[in-house]
Amino acid sequence: MYSKGIAAYQTAKAVVSPSRQIILLYEGMIKHIQQAKAAILEKRIEDRYNALDKAGKIAMGLLSAVDFDIAPELAKALQRFYISLDVRFLHVQRSNDIKVCDQLIKEINEMKKTWEAVDAEQHTMQVN
């Protein structure tokens, strides 16, 4: 079963552009934050913890993939962004602050839109 997951990931990695992969990861973070928010409202602490933990793992995975050799200034900005997300995930774990969840969703959506523009531009360049 584990090898099937790896094979599926390798296939997706070969078919989906890197910018599209980032968009999908952002969508995953947003989904997990929304789940955490619902869990907070319903006082399901374990579910909140698990959802925010998953969102944090995505952010740290993205952080580990930042390439400082290609565009150092952009890499530093992305590094700060991903670290700030993780710090705020920990804050929500302690505070159950739904306003922070809303702010996280807003900011991740803004970054997702930026990556969508990059992805669209790359797609246009490939077609032409």
C-alpha atoms as a PDB file:
ATOM      1  CA  MET A   1       0.000   0.000   0.000  1.00  0.00           C
ATOM      2  CA  TYR A   2       2.862   2.388   0.834  1.00  0.00           C
ATOM      3  CA  SER A   3       4.504   1.752  -2.551  1.00  0.00           C
ATOM      4  CA  LYS A   4       1.232   2.586  -4.318  1.00  0.00           C
ATOM      5  CA  GLY A   5       1.214   5.975  -2.606  1.00  0.00           C
ATOM      6  CA  ILE A   6       4.783   6.643  -3.678  1.00  0.00           C
ATOM      7  CA  ALA A   7       3.988   5.593  -7.243  1.00  0.00           C
ATOM      8  CA  ALA A   8       0.941   7.887  -7.317  1.00  0.00           C
ATOM      9  CA  TYR A   9       3.026  10.771  -5.985  1.00  0.00           C
ATOM     10  CA  GLN A  10       5.763  10.200  -8.575  1.00  0.00           C
ATOM     11  CA  THR A  11       3.173  10.149 -11.367  1.00  0.00           C
ATOM     12  CA  ALA A  12       1.550  13.357 -10.124  1.00  0.00           C
ATOM     13  CA  LYS A  13       4.961  14.982  -9.749  1.00  0.00           C
ATOM     14  CA  ALA A  14       5.769  14.181 -13.375  1.00  0.00           C
ATOM     15  CA  VAL A  15       2.428  15.456 -14.696  1.00  0.00           C
ATOM     16  CA  VAL A  16       1.723  18.513 -12.511  1.00  0.00           C
ATOM     17  CA  SER A  17       3.904  21.621 -12.823  1.00  0.00           C
ATOM     18  CA  PRO A  18       5.824  22.770  -9.729  1.00  0.00           C
ATOM     19  CA  SER A  19       3.743  25.954  -9.491  1.00  0.00           C
ATOM     20  CA  ARG A  20       0.533  23.900  -9.671  1.00  0.00           C
ATOM     21  CA  GLN A  21       1.882  21.620  -6.930  1.00  0.00           C
ATOM     22  CA  ILE A  22       2.370  24.661  -4.686  1.00  0.00           C
ATOM     23  CA  ILE A  23      -1.185  25.815  -5.430  1.00  0.00           C
ATOM     24  CA  LEU A  24      -2.517  22.398  -4.416  1.00  0.00           C
ATOM     25  CA  LEU A  25      -0.497  22.499  -1.206  1.00  0.00           C
ATOM     26  CA  TYR A  26      -1.884  25.951  -0.399  1.00  0.00           C
ATOM     27  CA  GLU A  27      -5.393  24.593  -0.999  1.00  0.00           C
ATOM     28  CA  GLY A  28      -4.590  21.765   1.402  1.00  0.00           C
ATOM     29  CA  MET A  29      -3.457  24.217   4.074  1.00  0.00           C
ATOM     30  CA  ILE A  30      -6.635  26.250   3.639  1.00  0.00           C
ATOM     31  CA  LYS A  31      -8.760  23.105   3.916  1.00  0.00           C
ATOM     32  CA  HIS A  32      -7.005  22.068   7.133  1.00  0.00           C
ATOM     33  CA  ILE A  33      -7.355  25.536   8.666  1.00  0.00           C
ATOM     34  CA  GLN A  34     -11.070  25.522   7.833  1.00  0.00           C
ATOM     35  CA  GLN A  35     -11.341  22.116   9.499  1.00  0.00           C
ATOM     36  CA  ALA A  36      -9.503  23.452  12.549  1.00  0.00           C
ATOM     37  CA  LYS A  37     -11.828  26.439  12.691  1.00  0.00           C
ATOM     38  CA  ALA A  38     -14.882  24.157  12.613  1.00  0.00           C
ATOM     39  CA  ALA A  39     -13.318  21.980  15.301  1.00  0.00           C
ATOM     40  CA  ILE A  40     -12.717  25.033  17.512  1.00  0.00           C
ATOM     41  CA  LEU A  41     -16.343  26.098  17.161  1.00  0.00           C
ATOM     42  CA  GLU A  42     -17.489  22.566  18.021  1.00  0.00           C
ATOM     43  CA  LYS A  43     -14.947  22.206  20.850  1.00  0.00           C
ATOM     44  CA  ARG A  44     -13.257  19.203  19.197  1.00  0.00           C
ATOM     45  CA  ILE A  45      -9.768  19.883  20.491  1.00  0.00           C
ATOM     46  CA  GLU A  46      -8.115  16.755  19.094  1.00  0.00           C
ATOM     47  CA  ASP A  47      -9.517  17.441  15.620  1.00  0.00           C
ATOM     48  CA  ARG A  48      -8.293  21.053  15.841  1.00  0.00           C
ATOM     49  CA  TYR A  49      -4.860  19.832  16.818  1.00  0.00           C
ATOM     50  CA  ASN A  50      -4.686  17.303  13.973  1.00  0.00           C
ATOM     51  CA  ALA A  51      -5.904  19.754  11.327  1.00  0.00           C
ATOM     52  CA  LEU A  52      -3.441  22.470  12.357  1.00  0.00           C
ATOM     53  CA  ASP A  53      -0.660  19.901  12.605  1.00  0.00           C
ATOM     54  CA  LYS A  54      -1.307  18.888   8.993  1.00  0.00           C
ATOM     55  CA  ALA A  55      -1.351  22.528   7.874  1.00  0.00           C
ATOM     56  CA  GLY A  56       1.929  23.102   9.715  1.00  0.00           C
ATOM     57  CA  LYS A  57       3.537  20.084   8.082  1.00  0.00           C
ATOM     58  CA  ILE A  58       2.578  21.432   4.669  1.00  0.00           C
ATOM     59  CA  ALA A  59       4.077  24.841   5.538  1.00  0.00           C
ATOM     60  CA  MET A  60       7.296  23.226   6.772  1.00  0.00           C
ATOM     61  CA  GLY A  61       7.439  21.032   3.665  1.00  0.00           C
ATOM     62  CA  LEU A  62       7.138  24.137   1.505  1.00  0.00           C
ATOM     63  CA  LEU A  63       9.810  25.841   3.605  1.00  0.00           C
ATOM     64  CA  SER A  64      12.181  22.922   3.085  1.00  0.00           C
ATOM     65  CA  ALA A  65      11.719  23.218  -0.692  1.00  0.00           C
ATOM     66  CA  VAL A  66      12.603  26.921  -0.902  1.00  0.00           C
ATOM     67  CA  ASP A  67      15.607  27.331  -3.212  1.00  0.00           C
ATOM     68  CA  PHE A  68      17.894  30.125  -2.039  1.00  0.00           C
ATOM     69  CA  ASP A  69      20.197  29.760  -5.057  1.00  0.00           C
ATOM     70  CA  ILE A  70      17.711  30.830  -7.742  1.00  0.00           C
ATOM     71  CA  ALA A  71      16.216  34.003  -6.234  1.00  0.00           C
ATOM     72  CA  PRO A  72      17.639  34.728  -2.770  1.00  0.00           C
ATOM     73  CA  GLU A  73      15.375  37.692  -1.953  1.00  0.00           C
ATOM     74  CA  LEU A  74      12.233  35.816  -2.983  1.00  0.00           C
ATOM     75  CA  ALA A  75      13.438  32.790  -1.053  1.00  0.00           C
ATOM     76  CA  LYS A  76      13.889  34.890   2.097  1.00  0.00           C
ATOM     77  CA  ALA A  77      10.365  36.305   1.729  1.00  0.00           C
ATOM     78  CA  LEU A  78       8.912  32.821   1.290  1.00  0.00           C
ATOM     79  CA  GLN A  79      10.937  31.593   4.258  1.00  0.00           C
ATOM     80  CA  ARG A  80       9.519  34.366   6.464  1.00  0.00           C
ATOM     81  CA  PHE A  81       6.000  33.630   5.201  1.00  0.00           C
ATOM     82  CA  TYR A  82       6.154  29.889   5.906  1.00  0.00           C
ATOM     83  CA  ILE A  83       7.723  30.382   9.337  1.00  0.00           C
ATOM     84  CA  SER A  84       5.078  32.978  10.228  1.00  0.00           C
ATOM     85  CA  LEU A  85       2.356  30.528   9.221  1.00  0.00           C
ATOM     86  CA  ASP A  86       3.800  27.836  11.453  1.00  0.00           C
ATOM     87  CA  VAL A  87       4.147  30.219  14.414  1.00  0.00           C
ATOM     88  CA  ARG A  88       0.515  31.269  14.024  1.00  0.00           C
ATOM     89  CA  PHE A  89      -0.639  27.648  13.746  1.00  0.00           C
ATOM     90  CA  LEU A  90       0.979  27.124  17.153  1.00  0.00           C
ATOM     91  CA  HIS A  91      -0.733  30.273  18.460  1.00  0.00           C
ATOM     92  CA  VAL A  92      -4.138  28.918  17.395  1.00  0.00           C
ATOM     93  CA  GLN A  93      -3.308  25.597  19.082  1.00  0.00           C
ATOM     94  CA  ARG A  94      -2.934  27.490  22.356  1.00  0.00           C
ATOM     95  CA  SER A  95      -5.611  30.153  21.969  1.00  0.00           C
ATOM     96  CA  ASN A  96      -8.383  28.711  19.752  1.00  0.00           C
ATOM     97  CA  ASP A  97      -8.455  32.136  18.091  1.00  0.00           C
ATOM     98  CA  ILE A  98     -10.773  31.939  15.087  1.00  0.00           C
ATOM     99  CA  LYS A  99      -9.752  35.432  13.934  1.00  0.00           C
ATOM    100  CA  VAL A 100      -6.217  34.147  13.430  1.00  0.00           C
ATOM    101  CA  CYS A 101      -7.628  31.256  11.385  1.00  0.00           C
ATOM    102  CA  ASP A 102      -9.482  33.740   9.189  1.00  0.00           C
ATOM    103  CA  GLN A 103      -6.330  35.841   8.738  1.00  0.00           C
ATOM    104  CA  LEU A 104      -4.296  32.737   7.839  1.00  0.00           C
ATOM    105  CA  ILE A 105      -6.863  31.696   5.239  1.00  0.00           C
ATOM    106  CA  LYS A 106      -6.848  35.207   3.762  1.00  0.00           C
ATOM    107  CA  GLU A 107      -3.064  35.382   3.504  1.00  0.00           C
ATOM    108  CA  ILE A 108      -2.681  31.885   2.084  1.00  0.00           C
ATOM    109  CA  ASN A 109      -5.395  32.668  -0.467  1.00  0.00           C
ATOM    110  CA  GLU A 110      -3.481  35.794  -1.508  1.00  0.00           C
ATOM    111  CA  MET A 111      -0.295  33.780  -1.979  1.00  0.00           C
ATOM    112  CA  LYS A 112      -2.248  31.099  -3.834  1.00  0.00           C
ATOM    113  CA  LYS A 113      -3.528  33.736  -6.277  1.00  0.00           C
ATOM    114  CA  THR A 114       0.048  34.848  -6.886  1.00  0.00           C
ATOM    115  CA  TRP A 115       1.088  31.288  -7.667  1.00  0.00           C
ATOM    116  CA  GLU A 116      -1.959  30.876  -9.902  1.00  0.00           C
ATOM    117  CA  ALA A 117      -0.761  33.877 -11.926  1.00  0.00           C
ATOM    118  CA  VAL A 118       2.716  32.341 -12.160  1.00  0.00           C
ATOM    119  CA  ASP A 119       1.212  29.017 -13.220  1.00  0.00           C
ATOM    120  CA  ALA A 120      -0.967  30.679 -15.872  1.00  0.00           C
ATOM    121  CA  GLU A 121       2.028  32.585 -17.224  1.00  0.00           C
ATOM    122  CA  GLN A 122       4.103  29.402 -17.411  1.00  0.00           C
ATOM    123  CA  HIS A 123       1.260  27.616 -19.176  1.00  0.00           C
ATOM    124  CA  THR A 124       0.946  30.466 -21.695  1.00  0.00           C
ATOM    125  CA  MET A 125       4.692  30.350 -22.364  1.00  0.00           C
ATOM    126  CA  GLN A 126       4.536  26.590 -22.977  1.00  0.00           C
ATOM    127  CA  VAL A 127       1.634  26.928 -25.414  1.00  0.00           C
ATOM    128  CA  ASN A 128       3.312  29.688 -27.448  1.00  0.00           C
END
